[in-house]
Amino acid sequence: MSDVPEVRVSCYGALASRARTRSLTVRARTLGEAAAAVGLELNLHVVAAVNGERISRDPEVPLAAGDSVAFLSADAGG
């Protein structure tokens, strides 16, 4: 398990309620694993920002130790 990086995950808005957390550290190799660790699924309604830069809903995006992942609702706006 030591080869699986530790990443910081934050959830915002309604996703914080769905994930039952606002922020925690998880072990995940990909965005999909990080989402699953907090009970979310990347889809049309959920996107992730990696290190405040890259926005994606691709579950195969690789993560590295120390990365920060923010899950956001893609439904914002009007």
Protein backbone atom coordinates (compact mmCIF):
# COMPACT_ATOMS: atom_id res chain seq x y z
CA MET A 1 0.00 0.00 0.00
CA SER A 2 2.98 2.33 0.41
CA ASP A 3 3.14 2.74 -3.38
CA VAL A 4 -0.30 4.38 -3.35
CA PRO A 5 0.14 8.15 -2.97
CA GLU A 6 -1.53 10.16 -0.24
CA VAL A 7 -3.58 13.03 -1.65
CA ARG A 8 -5.68 15.72 -0.03
CA VAL A 9 -9.34 15.66 -1.11
CA SER A 10 -11.80 18.52 -0.63
CA CYS A 11 -15.48 18.56 -1.50
CA TYR A 12 -17.49 21.73 -2.04
CA GLY A 13 -21.15 22.68 -2.01
CA ALA A 14 -23.69 19.89 -2.18
CA LEU A 15 -20.86 17.39 -2.75
CA ALA A 16 -19.61 17.95 0.80
CA SER A 17 -22.96 16.64 2.05
CA ARG A 18 -22.95 13.70 -0.37
CA ALA A 19 -19.39 12.77 0.52
CA ARG A 20 -20.03 13.46 4.23
CA THR A 21 -16.78 15.38 4.42
CA ARG A 22 -15.26 18.67 3.40
CA SER A 23 -11.62 17.63 3.46
CA LEU A 24 -9.50 14.59 4.23
CA THR A 25 -6.39 12.70 3.17
CA VAL A 26 -6.87 9.50 1.15
CA ARG A 27 -4.67 7.07 -0.74
CA ALA A 28 -5.44 7.06 -4.46
CA ARG A 29 -3.55 6.45 -7.70
CA THR A 30 -6.17 8.14 -9.92
CA LEU A 31 -8.98 10.69 -9.79
CA GLY A 32 -11.47 7.83 -9.94
CA GLU A 33 -9.93 6.19 -6.87
CA ALA A 34 -9.95 9.52 -4.99
CA ALA A 35 -13.61 10.06 -5.88
CA ALA A 36 -14.53 6.54 -4.78
CA ALA A 37 -12.68 7.05 -1.48
CA VAL A 38 -15.18 9.79 -0.57
CA GLY A 39 -18.22 8.11 -2.13
CA LEU A 40 -18.38 10.17 -5.33
CA GLU A 41 -18.29 9.32 -9.03
CA LEU A 42 -16.87 11.58 -11.71
CA ASN A 43 -19.63 12.20 -14.26
CA LEU A 44 -21.52 15.00 -16.00
CA HIS A 45 -22.38 16.50 -12.60
CA VAL A 46 -19.06 16.10 -10.77
CA VAL A 47 -15.65 17.41 -11.87
CA ALA A 48 -12.29 17.59 -10.13
CA ALA A 49 -9.60 20.25 -9.99
CA VAL A 50 -6.11 18.85 -9.44
CA ASN A 51 -3.75 21.23 -7.65
CA GLY A 52 -6.08 24.10 -8.49
CA GLU A 53 -5.15 23.92 -12.16
CA ARG A 54 -6.37 20.97 -14.18
CA ILE A 55 -10.14 20.44 -14.35
CA SER A 56 -11.21 16.95 -15.35
CA ARG A 57 -13.86 14.30 -15.02
CA ASP A 58 -11.55 11.58 -16.39
CA PRO A 59 -11.23 8.89 -13.69
CA GLU A 60 -7.89 7.72 -15.14
CA VAL A 61 -6.00 10.99 -14.46
CA PRO A 62 -2.98 9.89 -12.39
CA LEU A 63 -2.26 11.41 -8.98
CA ALA A 64 1.04 11.89 -7.17
CA ALA A 65 1.85 12.13 -3.48
CA GLY A 66 0.95 15.54 -2.14
CA ASP A 67 -1.59 16.38 -4.86
CA SER A 68 -4.67 18.31 -3.87
CA VAL A 69 -7.99 17.30 -5.43
CA ALA A 70 -11.11 19.46 -5.18
CA PHE A 71 -14.43 17.93 -6.21
CA LEU A 72 -16.95 20.42 -7.54
CA SER A 73 -20.47 20.30 -8.87
CA ALA A 74 -20.51 20.87 -12.62
CA ASP A 75 -24.13 22.08 -12.41
CA ALA A 76 -23.26 25.59 -11.24
CA GLY A 77 -24.34 28.52 -13.31
CA GLY A 78 -27.46 29.13 -15.29
